[in-house]
Amino acid sequence: AVVRVGAEPLFVDIDPQTYNLDPKCLTEMLARISVSERKAIRGIIPVHLYGQCADMDEILKIAEVHGWTVIEDAAQAIGAEYHGRRAGSLGHFGCFSFFPSKNLGAFGDGGLVTTRSEDSDQRLRMLRMHGMAPKYHHHIVGGNFRIDALQAAIVAIKLDHLDDWTQGRRENAATYRRLFTEAGLAERIRLPEERESRHIYNQFVIRVPGKRDALRDFLTTQEVGTEIYYPVPLHLQACFKDLGYSTGDFPEAEQAARETLALPIYPELTAAQLGYVVEQIKRYFDAQ
């Protein structure tokens, strides 16, 4: 999105515990760049990865000092909370995804933008309708960014179930923690850290130093589905090679890409299925 509007993204390393933007790394990055580069910055886009909010108090403080806009990427975090406040209500804007893999997913593509500003709300409504307000009166150049009726209907029906599904994910995460501890695996893998927030567990991501890929291969043979989110950090993606980043620039993000593994966490999982996942991981480590 940043590149598409002709701007240049400046990446910041992550907190190794939450995988979200690290405010300390942001401060360090701002100290390294020139005054002119700092003045050219227009905003911060913290990602609430896996369903847990970034450290928004510190991020908002930095943004306020510089007069920057904060856009929350809450694609994976609908229903998440930070100090009692919902994701999408903390910054100037919040962006949500209704892609089917999200906790509140449509049948296809869809999304939502939130804002606390009435002026921004009106502008967003015009942008999604070709810049029109009223009909056939175009004030700005917009586009067709409307969710179609079928997707909207599906999301509207599923919305009534979101709180129950979120609670199911949180209960599954608590069960995983208990089972991993009882199995003596807490020292072999790193479990997700839940700070002063309401984690809604779009993903339950463990860290497996040095053995992630081998463990994943073994789990596949045992019919346990897993996924890697994400195998290549953004600064090393081929599409961003012109930005000039290199391996080693963001060590925490690079290490997370080598070690993280997402386990099944959807709310319909039974206690027996959760136990089976943990049992197979224990089998793998017992054989080492």
C-alpha atoms as a PDB file:
ATOM      1  CA  ALA A   1       0.000   0.000   0.000  1.00  0.00           C
ATOM      2  CA  VAL A   2       2.837   2.389   0.838  1.00  0.00           C
ATOM      3  CA  VAL A   3       4.654   1.722  -2.414  1.00  0.00           C
ATOM      4  CA  ARG A   4       1.473   1.966  -4.482  1.00  0.00           C
ATOM      5  CA  VAL A   5       0.950   5.604  -3.459  1.00  0.00           C
ATOM      6  CA  GLY A   6       4.522   6.444  -4.443  1.00  0.00           C
ATOM      7  CA  ALA A   7       5.988   6.477  -0.942  1.00  0.00           C
ATOM      8  CA  GLU A   8       8.938   4.509   0.418  1.00  0.00           C
ATOM      9  CA  PRO A   9       8.532   2.226   3.449  1.00  0.00           C
ATOM     10  CA  LEU A  10      11.094   2.325   6.240  1.00  0.00           C
ATOM     11  CA  PHE A  11      11.143  -0.995   8.054  1.00  0.00           C
ATOM     12  CA  VAL A  12      11.679  -1.422  11.798  1.00  0.00           C
ATOM     13  CA  ASP A  13      12.682  -4.593  13.650  1.00  0.00           C
ATOM     14  CA  ILE A  14      10.267  -6.525  15.844  1.00  0.00           C
ATOM     15  CA  ASP A  15       9.915  -7.336  19.516  1.00  0.00           C
ATOM     16  CA  PRO A  16      11.081 -10.989  19.625  1.00  0.00           C
ATOM     17  CA  GLN A  17       8.396 -11.890  22.164  1.00  0.00           C
ATOM     18  CA  THR A  18       5.313 -10.467  20.429  1.00  0.00           C
ATOM     19  CA  TYR A  19       6.583 -10.203  16.820  1.00  0.00           C
ATOM     20  CA  ASN A  20       5.168  -6.678  16.646  1.00  0.00           C
ATOM     21  CA  LEU A  21       6.972  -3.427  15.895  1.00  0.00           C
ATOM     22  CA  ASP A  22       9.442  -2.665  18.687  1.00  0.00           C
ATOM     23  CA  PRO A  23       9.177   1.007  19.783  1.00  0.00           C
ATOM     24  CA  LYS A  24      12.813   0.918  20.952  1.00  0.00           C
ATOM     25  CA  CYS A  25      13.916  -0.110  17.469  1.00  0.00           C
ATOM     26  CA  LEU A  26      11.754   2.652  16.020  1.00  0.00           C
ATOM     27  CA  THR A  27      13.478   5.204  18.245  1.00  0.00           C
ATOM     28  CA  GLU A  28      16.889   3.846  17.246  1.00  0.00           C
ATOM     29  CA  MET A  29      15.992   4.026  13.547  1.00  0.00           C
ATOM     30  CA  LEU A  30      14.882   7.641  13.887  1.00  0.00           C
ATOM     31  CA  ALA A  31      18.181   8.502  15.558  1.00  0.00           C
ATOM     32  CA  ARG A  32      20.143   6.957  12.660  1.00  0.00           C
ATOM     33  CA  ILE A  33      18.460   8.738   9.773  1.00  0.00           C
ATOM     34  CA  SER A  34      18.987  12.352   8.753  1.00  0.00           C
ATOM     35  CA  VAL A  35      16.793  15.274   9.801  1.00  0.00           C
ATOM     36  CA  SER A  36      15.474  15.622   6.251  1.00  0.00           C
ATOM     37  CA  GLU A  37      14.588  11.928   6.117  1.00  0.00           C
ATOM     38  CA  ARG A  38      12.817  12.208   9.446  1.00  0.00           C
ATOM     39  CA  LYS A  39      10.819  15.213   8.255  1.00  0.00           C
ATOM     40  CA  ALA A  40       9.714  13.268   5.175  1.00  0.00           C
ATOM     41  CA  ILE A  41       8.011  10.595   7.285  1.00  0.00           C
ATOM     42  CA  ARG A  42       4.224  10.855   7.271  1.00  0.00           C
ATOM     43  CA  GLY A  43       3.102   8.047   9.525  1.00  0.00           C
ATOM     44  CA  ILE A  44       3.630   4.759  11.346  1.00  0.00           C
ATOM     45  CA  ILE A  45       1.874   1.505  10.405  1.00  0.00           C
ATOM     46  CA  PRO A  46       2.142  -0.943  13.322  1.00  0.00           C
ATOM     47  CA  VAL A  47       0.941  -4.469  12.548  1.00  0.00           C
ATOM     48  CA  HIS A  48      -0.980  -6.336  15.257  1.00  0.00           C
ATOM     49  CA  LEU A  49       0.499  -9.647  14.212  1.00  0.00           C
ATOM     50  CA  TYR A  50      -1.164 -12.994  14.967  1.00  0.00           C
ATOM     51  CA  GLY A  51      -3.970 -11.256  16.890  1.00  0.00           C
ATOM     52  CA  GLN A  52      -2.029  -9.322  19.548  1.00  0.00           C
ATOM     53  CA  CYS A  53      -1.812  -5.540  19.628  1.00  0.00           C
ATOM     54  CA  ALA A  54       1.511  -3.780  19.260  1.00  0.00           C
ATOM     55  CA  ASP A  55       2.824  -1.550  22.079  1.00  0.00           C
ATOM     56  CA  MET A  56       0.533   1.270  21.043  1.00  0.00           C
ATOM     57  CA  ASP A  57       1.128   3.640  23.981  1.00  0.00           C
ATOM     58  CA  GLU A  58       4.793   4.039  23.088  1.00  0.00           C
ATOM     59  CA  ILE A  59       4.104   4.148  19.351  1.00  0.00           C
ATOM     60  CA  LEU A  60       1.471   6.855  19.798  1.00  0.00           C
ATOM     61  CA  LYS A  61       3.831   8.912  21.954  1.00  0.00           C
ATOM     62  CA  ILE A  62       6.471   8.869  19.226  1.00  0.00           C
ATOM     63  CA  ALA A  63       3.905   9.752  16.578  1.00  0.00           C
ATOM     64  CA  GLU A  64       2.524  12.636  18.622  1.00  0.00           C
ATOM     65  CA  VAL A  65       5.977  14.190  19.055  1.00  0.00           C
ATOM     66  CA  HIS A  66       6.468  14.269  15.294  1.00  0.00           C
ATOM     67  CA  GLY A  67       2.881  14.934  14.250  1.00  0.00           C
ATOM     68  CA  TRP A  68       2.576  11.633  12.381  1.00  0.00           C
ATOM     69  CA  THR A  69      -0.521   9.637  11.506  1.00  0.00           C
ATOM     70  CA  VAL A  70      -0.812   6.135  12.993  1.00  0.00           C
ATOM     71  CA  ILE A  71      -2.540   3.504  10.847  1.00  0.00           C
ATOM     72  CA  GLU A  72      -3.148   0.215  12.656  1.00  0.00           C
ATOM     73  CA  ASP A  73      -2.832  -2.890  10.508  1.00  0.00           C
ATOM     74  CA  ALA A  74      -5.398  -4.882  12.457  1.00  0.00           C
ATOM     75  CA  ALA A  75      -6.003  -7.426   9.680  1.00  0.00           C
ATOM     76  CA  GLN A  76      -5.401 -10.322  12.089  1.00  0.00           C
ATOM     77  CA  ALA A  77      -6.665  -8.627  15.236  1.00  0.00           C
ATOM     78  CA  ILE A  78     -10.404  -7.989  15.111  1.00  0.00           C
ATOM     79  CA  GLY A  79     -11.613  -8.111  18.713  1.00  0.00           C
ATOM     80  CA  ALA A  80      -8.128  -7.801  20.212  1.00  0.00           C
ATOM     81  CA  GLU A  81      -7.660  -5.306  23.033  1.00  0.00           C
ATOM     82  CA  TYR A  82      -4.826  -3.192  24.384  1.00  0.00           C
ATOM     83  CA  HIS A  83      -5.300  -1.837  27.918  1.00  0.00           C
ATOM     84  CA  GLY A  84      -9.053  -2.255  27.505  1.00  0.00           C
ATOM     85  CA  ARG A  85      -9.199  -0.522  24.111  1.00  0.00           C
ATOM     86  CA  ARG A  86     -10.063  -2.364  20.920  1.00  0.00           C
ATOM     87  CA  ALA A  87      -7.685  -2.799  18.013  1.00  0.00           C
ATOM     88  CA  GLY A  88      -8.595  -0.301  15.309  1.00  0.00           C
ATOM     89  CA  SER A  89      -9.601   2.398  17.804  1.00  0.00           C
ATOM     90  CA  LEU A  90      -6.115   3.253  19.067  1.00  0.00           C
ATOM     91  CA  GLY A  91      -4.563   5.086  16.133  1.00  0.00           C
ATOM     92  CA  HIS A  92      -5.947   7.550  13.617  1.00  0.00           C
ATOM     93  CA  PHE A  93      -7.076   4.685  11.354  1.00  0.00           C
ATOM     94  CA  GLY A  94      -7.553   0.942  11.686  1.00  0.00           C
ATOM     95  CA  CYS A  95      -7.544  -1.535   8.806  1.00  0.00           C
ATOM     96  CA  PHE A  96      -9.182  -4.958   9.059  1.00  0.00           C
ATOM     97  CA  SER A  97      -9.284  -7.918   6.702  1.00  0.00           C
ATOM     98  CA  PHE A  98     -12.224 -10.232   6.050  1.00  0.00           C
ATOM     99  CA  PHE A  99     -10.136 -12.721   4.088  1.00  0.00           C
ATOM    100  CA  PRO A 100     -11.440 -16.242   4.858  1.00  0.00           C
ATOM    101  CA  SER A 101      -8.431 -17.143   7.037  1.00  0.00           C
ATOM    102  CA  LYS A 102      -9.163 -14.306   9.476  1.00  0.00           C
ATOM    103  CA  ASN A 103     -11.172 -14.735  12.685  1.00  0.00           C
ATOM    104  CA  LEU A 104     -14.060 -12.918  10.990  1.00  0.00           C
ATOM    105  CA  GLY A 105     -13.757 -14.058   7.415  1.00  0.00           C
ATOM    106  CA  ALA A 106     -15.946 -13.610   4.376  1.00  0.00           C
ATOM    107  CA  PHE A 107     -16.330 -16.104   1.523  1.00  0.00           C
ATOM    108  CA  GLY A 108     -13.799 -14.114  -0.511  1.00  0.00           C
ATOM    109  CA  ASP A 109     -12.052 -10.772  -0.203  1.00  0.00           C
ATOM    110  CA  GLY A 110     -13.281  -7.910   1.951  1.00  0.00           C
ATOM    111  CA  GLY A 111     -12.156  -5.456   4.568  1.00  0.00           C
ATOM    112  CA  LEU A 112     -12.970  -2.547   6.832  1.00  0.00           C
ATOM    113  CA  VAL A 113     -11.397   0.808   7.720  1.00  0.00           C
ATOM    114  CA  THR A 114     -12.109   2.573  11.013  1.00  0.00           C
ATOM    115  CA  THR A 115     -11.343   6.132  12.059  1.00  0.00           C
ATOM    116  CA  ARG A 116     -12.097   8.467  14.927  1.00  0.00           C
ATOM    117  CA  SER A 117     -12.233  11.508  12.635  1.00  0.00           C
ATOM    118  CA  GLU A 118     -15.539  12.571  11.092  1.00  0.00           C
ATOM    119  CA  ASP A 119     -13.716  14.348   8.261  1.00  0.00           C
ATOM    120  CA  SER A 120     -11.670  11.238   7.512  1.00  0.00           C
ATOM    121  CA  ASP A 121     -14.824   9.131   7.650  1.00  0.00           C
ATOM    122  CA  GLN A 122     -16.473  11.257   4.986  1.00  0.00           C
ATOM    123  CA  ARG A 123     -13.367  11.177   2.799  1.00  0.00           C
ATOM    124  CA  LEU A 124     -13.108   7.382   3.098  1.00  0.00           C
ATOM    125  CA  ARG A 125     -16.739   6.992   2.117  1.00  0.00           C
ATOM    126  CA  MET A 126     -16.097   9.090  -0.978  1.00  0.00           C
ATOM    127  CA  LEU A 127     -12.915   7.213  -1.890  1.00  0.00           C
ATOM    128  CA  ARG A 128     -14.695   3.849  -1.829  1.00  0.00           C
ATOM    129  CA  MET A 129     -17.361   5.183  -4.231  1.00  0.00           C
ATOM    130  CA  HIS A 130     -15.211   6.722  -6.985  1.00  0.00           C
ATOM    131  CA  GLY A 131     -14.920   9.973  -5.025  1.00  0.00           C
ATOM    132  CA  MET A 132     -18.673  10.610  -5.173  1.00  0.00           C
ATOM    133  CA  ALA A 133     -20.797  12.555  -2.688  1.00  0.00           C
ATOM    134  CA  PRO A 134     -23.622  12.799  -3.605  1.00  0.00           C
ATOM    135  CA  LYS A 135     -24.142  10.396  -6.494  1.00  0.00           C
ATOM    136  CA  TYR A 136     -22.403  11.428  -9.736  1.00  0.00           C
ATOM    137  CA  HIS A 137     -20.709  14.404  -8.069  1.00  0.00           C
ATOM    138  CA  HIS A 138     -17.004  13.560  -7.941  1.00  0.00           C
ATOM    139  CA  HIS A 139     -14.919  15.636  -5.531  1.00  0.00           C
ATOM    140  CA  ILE A 140     -11.786  13.488  -5.472  1.00  0.00           C
ATOM    141  CA  VAL A 141     -10.357  10.636  -7.528  1.00  0.00           C
ATOM    142  CA  GLY A 142     -11.475   7.460  -5.788  1.00  0.00           C
ATOM    143  CA  GLY A 143     -12.122   3.898  -6.828  1.00  0.00           C
ATOM    144  CA  ASN A 144     -14.423   0.944  -6.395  1.00  0.00           C
ATOM    145  CA  PHE A 145     -13.423  -0.236  -2.933  1.00  0.00           C
ATOM    146  CA  ARG A 146     -16.847  -1.451  -1.825  1.00  0.00           C
ATOM    147  CA  ILE A 147     -17.354  -4.867  -0.305  1.00  0.00           C
ATOM    148  CA  ASP A 148     -19.870  -6.729  -2.435  1.00  0.00           C
ATOM    149  CA  ALA A 149     -23.271  -7.694  -1.055  1.00  0.00           C
ATOM    150  CA  LEU A 150     -22.516 -11.424  -0.793  1.00  0.00           C
ATOM    151  CA  GLN A 151     -19.366 -10.887   1.263  1.00  0.00           C
ATOM    152  CA  ALA A 152     -21.109  -8.300   3.445  1.00  0.00           C
ATOM    153  CA  ALA A 153     -24.010 -10.684   4.120  1.00  0.00           C
ATOM    154  CA  ILE A 154     -21.656 -13.487   5.175  1.00  0.00           C
ATOM    155  CA  VAL A 155     -19.652 -11.204   7.475  1.00  0.00           C
ATOM    156  CA  ALA A 156     -22.840  -9.789   9.014  1.00  0.00           C
ATOM    157  CA  ILE A 157     -24.084 -13.286   9.881  1.00  0.00           C
ATOM    158  CA  LYS A 158     -20.722 -14.444  11.227  1.00  0.00           C
ATOM    159  CA  LEU A 159     -20.275 -11.277  13.299  1.00  0.00           C
ATOM    160  CA  ASP A 160     -22.842 -12.553  15.809  1.00  0.00           C
ATOM    161  CA  HIS A 161     -20.577 -15.545  16.488  1.00  0.00           C
ATOM    162  CA  LEU A 162     -17.256 -13.680  16.681  1.00  0.00           C
ATOM    163  CA  ASP A 163     -17.079 -13.345  20.474  1.00  0.00           C
ATOM    164  CA  ASP A 164     -17.791 -17.050  20.972  1.00  0.00           C
ATOM    165  CA  TRP A 165     -15.214 -18.033  18.353  1.00  0.00           C
ATOM    166  CA  THR A 166     -12.637 -15.698  19.904  1.00  0.00           C
ATOM    167  CA  GLN A 167     -13.248 -17.206  23.325  1.00  0.00           C
ATOM    168  CA  GLY A 168     -12.805 -20.662  21.797  1.00  0.00           C
ATOM    169  CA  ARG A 169      -9.439 -19.659  20.365  1.00  0.00           C
ATOM    170  CA  ARG A 170      -8.325 -18.197  23.689  1.00  0.00           C
ATOM    171  CA  GLU A 171      -9.390 -21.343  25.538  1.00  0.00           C
ATOM    172  CA  ASN A 172      -7.493 -23.485  23.020  1.00  0.00           C
ATOM    173  CA  ALA A 173      -4.400 -21.344  23.546  1.00  0.00           C
ATOM    174  CA  ALA A 174      -4.691 -21.807  27.323  1.00  0.00           C
ATOM    175  CA  THR A 175      -5.037 -25.567  26.822  1.00  0.00           C
ATOM    176  CA  TYR A 176      -1.929 -25.625  24.641  1.00  0.00           C
ATOM    177  CA  ARG A 177       0.040 -23.778  27.316  1.00  0.00           C
ATOM    178  CA  ARG A 178      -1.032 -26.236  29.998  1.00  0.00           C
ATOM    179  CA  LEU A 179      -0.361 -29.299  27.864  1.00  0.00           C
ATOM    180  CA  PHE A 180       3.045 -28.091  26.686  1.00  0.00           C
ATOM    181  CA  THR A 181       4.061 -27.359  30.280  1.00  0.00           C
ATOM    182  CA  GLU A 182       2.807 -30.728  31.532  1.00  0.00           C
ATOM    183  CA  ALA A 183       4.698 -32.455  28.694  1.00  0.00           C
ATOM    184  CA  GLY A 184       7.938 -30.752  29.729  1.00  0.00           C
ATOM    185  CA  LEU A 185       8.240 -28.951  26.417  1.00  0.00           C
ATOM    186  CA  ALA A 186       8.355 -25.388  27.734  1.00  0.00           C
ATOM    187  CA  GLU A 187      12.161 -25.477  27.577  1.00  0.00           C
ATOM    188  CA  ARG A 188      12.276 -26.956  24.067  1.00  0.00           C
ATOM    189  CA  ILE A 189       9.962 -24.490  22.366  1.00  0.00           C
ATOM    190  CA  ARG A 190       8.938 -20.909  23.073  1.00  0.00           C
ATOM    191  CA  LEU A 191       5.222 -20.323  23.550  1.00  0.00           C
ATOM    192  CA  PRO A 192       3.441 -17.102  22.543  1.00  0.00           C
ATOM    193  CA  GLU A 193       3.731 -14.307  25.075  1.00  0.00           C
ATOM    194  CA  GLU A 194       0.523 -12.550  26.084  1.00  0.00           C
ATOM    195  CA  ARG A 195       1.161  -9.134  27.559  1.00  0.00           C
ATOM    196  CA  GLU A 196      -1.262  -6.500  28.833  1.00  0.00           C
ATOM    197  CA  SER A 197      -3.682  -7.150  26.030  1.00  0.00           C
ATOM    198  CA  ARG A 198      -6.438  -9.448  24.854  1.00  0.00           C
ATOM    199  CA  HIS A 199      -4.792 -11.757  22.360  1.00  0.00           C
ATOM    200  CA  ILE A 200      -7.393 -13.192  19.979  1.00  0.00           C
ATOM    201  CA  TYR A 201      -5.077 -15.850  18.492  1.00  0.00           C
ATOM    202  CA  ASN A 202      -5.593 -15.601  14.786  1.00  0.00           C
ATOM    203  CA  GLN A 203      -2.490 -17.777  14.968  1.00  0.00           C
ATOM    204  CA  PHE A 204      -0.886 -19.755  17.798  1.00  0.00           C
ATOM    205  CA  VAL A 205       2.794 -19.445  16.940  1.00  0.00           C
ATOM    206  CA  ILE A 206       5.589 -21.312  18.694  1.00  0.00           C
ATOM    207  CA  ARG A 207       9.325 -20.883  18.197  1.00  0.00           C
ATOM    208  CA  VAL A 208      11.523 -23.893  17.543  1.00  0.00           C
ATOM    209  CA  PRO A 209      15.199 -22.843  17.428  1.00  0.00           C
ATOM    210  CA  GLY A 210      17.186 -24.888  14.940  1.00  0.00           C
ATOM    211  CA  LYS A 211      14.543 -27.579  14.405  1.00  0.00           C
ATOM    212  CA  ARG A 212      11.498 -25.782  12.995  1.00  0.00           C
ATOM    213  CA  ASP A 213      11.559 -27.276   9.509  1.00  0.00           C
ATOM    214  CA  ALA A 214      12.310 -30.804  10.727  1.00  0.00           C
ATOM    215  CA  LEU A 215       9.490 -30.605  13.276  1.00  0.00           C
ATOM    216  CA  ARG A 216       7.110 -29.346  10.612  1.00  0.00           C
ATOM    217  CA  ASP A 217       8.023 -32.208   8.302  1.00  0.00           C
ATOM    218  CA  PHE A 218       7.403 -34.702  11.103  1.00  0.00           C
ATOM    219  CA  LEU A 219       4.032 -33.169  11.987  1.00  0.00           C
ATOM    220  CA  THR A 220       3.012 -33.386   8.349  1.00  0.00           C
ATOM    221  CA  THR A 221       3.625 -37.140   8.420  1.00  0.00           C
ATOM    222  CA  GLN A 222       1.370 -37.298  11.493  1.00  0.00           C
ATOM    223  CA  GLU A 223      -1.375 -35.346   9.678  1.00  0.00           C
ATOM    224  CA  VAL A 224      -0.981 -32.228  11.812  1.00  0.00           C
ATOM    225  CA  GLY A 225      -1.374 -29.131   9.664  1.00  0.00           C
ATOM    226  CA  THR A 226       1.045 -26.277  10.301  1.00  0.00           C
ATOM    227  CA  GLU A 227       2.087 -23.084   8.531  1.00  0.00           C
ATOM    228  CA  ILE A 228       5.000 -20.647   8.558  1.00  0.00           C
ATOM    229  CA  TYR A 229       4.030 -17.001   8.962  1.00  0.00           C
ATOM    230  CA  TYR A 230       6.276 -15.764   7.377  1.00  0.00           C
ATOM    231  CA  PRO A 231       9.277 -17.490   5.771  1.00  0.00           C
ATOM    232  CA  VAL A 232      10.849 -14.324   4.309  1.00  0.00           C
ATOM    233  CA  PRO A 233      10.923 -10.974   6.164  1.00  0.00           C
ATOM    234  CA  LEU A 234       9.624  -7.983   4.243  1.00  0.00           C
ATOM    235  CA  HIS A 235      13.029  -6.318   3.857  1.00  0.00           C
ATOM    236  CA  LEU A 236      14.352  -9.435   2.086  1.00  0.00           C
ATOM    237  CA  GLN A 237      11.401  -9.872  -0.277  1.00  0.00           C
ATOM    238  CA  ALA A 238      12.387  -9.620  -3.935  1.00  0.00           C
ATOM    239  CA  CYS A 239       9.827  -6.880  -4.568  1.00  0.00           C
ATOM    240  CA  PHE A 240      11.656  -4.610  -2.104  1.00  0.00           C
ATOM    241  CA  LYS A 241      15.229  -5.284  -3.252  1.00  0.00           C
ATOM    242  CA  ASP A 242      15.486  -1.737  -4.624  1.00  0.00           C
ATOM    243  CA  LEU A 243      15.148  -0.368  -1.079  1.00  0.00           C
ATOM    244  CA  GLY A 244      18.693  -1.541  -0.386  1.00  0.00           C
ATOM    245  CA  TYR A 245      18.175  -3.700   2.677  1.00  0.00           C
ATOM    246  CA  SER A 246      20.400  -6.713   3.344  1.00  0.00           C
ATOM    247  CA  THR A 247      20.474  -9.833   5.480  1.00  0.00           C
ATOM    248  CA  GLY A 248      21.319  -8.809   9.041  1.00  0.00           C
ATOM    249  CA  ASP A 249      19.567  -5.437   8.954  1.00  0.00           C
ATOM    250  CA  PHE A 250      16.667  -6.684  11.107  1.00  0.00           C
ATOM    251  CA  PRO A 251      18.009  -9.674  13.047  1.00  0.00           C
ATOM    252  CA  GLU A 252      14.938 -10.327  15.191  1.00  0.00           C
ATOM    253  CA  ALA A 253      12.616 -10.496  12.185  1.00  0.00           C
ATOM    254  CA  GLU A 254      15.068 -12.762  10.374  1.00  0.00           C
ATOM    255  CA  GLN A 255      15.393 -15.110  13.335  1.00  0.00           C
ATOM    256  CA  ALA A 256      11.614 -15.272  13.732  1.00  0.00           C
ATOM    257  CA  ALA A 257      11.322 -16.223  10.058  1.00  0.00           C
ATOM    258  CA  ARG A 258      13.662 -19.159  10.721  1.00  0.00           C
ATOM    259  CA  GLU A 259      12.026 -20.362  13.942  1.00  0.00           C
ATOM    260  CA  THR A 260       8.278 -19.688  14.011  1.00  0.00           C
ATOM    261  CA  LEU A 261       5.625 -22.324  13.385  1.00  0.00           C
ATOM    262  CA  ALA A 262       1.853 -21.860  13.556  1.00  0.00           C
ATOM    263  CA  LEU A 263      -0.169 -24.706  15.072  1.00  0.00           C
ATOM    264  CA  PRO A 264      -3.912 -25.384  14.607  1.00  0.00           C
ATOM    265  CA  ILE A 265      -5.922 -23.006  16.814  1.00  0.00           C
ATOM    266  CA  TYR A 266      -9.393 -22.734  15.248  1.00  0.00           C
ATOM    267  CA  PRO A 267     -12.232 -22.759  17.807  1.00  0.00           C
ATOM    268  CA  GLU A 268     -13.777 -26.074  16.737  1.00  0.00           C
ATOM    269  CA  LEU A 269     -10.722 -28.058  17.847  1.00  0.00           C
ATOM    270  CA  THR A 270     -11.505 -30.632  20.524  1.00  0.00           C
ATOM    271  CA  ALA A 271      -9.450 -31.289  23.651  1.00  0.00           C
ATOM    272  CA  ALA A 272      -8.409 -34.620  22.127  1.00  0.00           C
ATOM    273  CA  GLN A 273      -7.153 -32.923  18.966  1.00  0.00           C
ATOM    274  CA  LEU A 274      -5.163 -30.360  20.940  1.00  0.00           C
ATOM    275  CA  GLY A 275      -3.699 -33.174  22.994  1.00  0.00           C
ATOM    276  CA  TYR A 276      -2.748 -35.056  19.837  1.00  0.00           C
ATOM    277  CA  VAL A 277      -0.824 -32.054  18.483  1.00  0.00           C
ATOM    278  CA  VAL A 278       1.164 -31.737  21.712  1.00  0.00           C
ATOM    279  CA  GLU A 279       1.706 -35.519  21.880  1.00  0.00           C
ATOM    280  CA  GLN A 280       3.222 -35.553  18.392  1.00  0.00           C
ATOM    281  CA  ILE A 281       5.535 -32.643  19.184  1.00  0.00           C
ATOM    282  CA  LYS A 282       6.667 -34.487  22.317  1.00  0.00           C
ATOM    283  CA  ARG A 283       7.263 -37.624  20.237  1.00  0.00           C
ATOM    284  CA  TYR A 284       9.480 -35.639  17.916  1.00  0.00           C
ATOM    285  CA  PHE A 285      11.627 -34.186  20.703  1.00  0.00           C
ATOM    286  CA  ASP A 286      11.797 -37.481  22.634  1.00  0.00           C
ATOM    287  CA  ALA A 287      13.337 -39.078  19.544  1.00  0.00           C
ATOM    288  CA  GLN A 288      16.096 -36.468  19.295  1.00  0.00           C
END
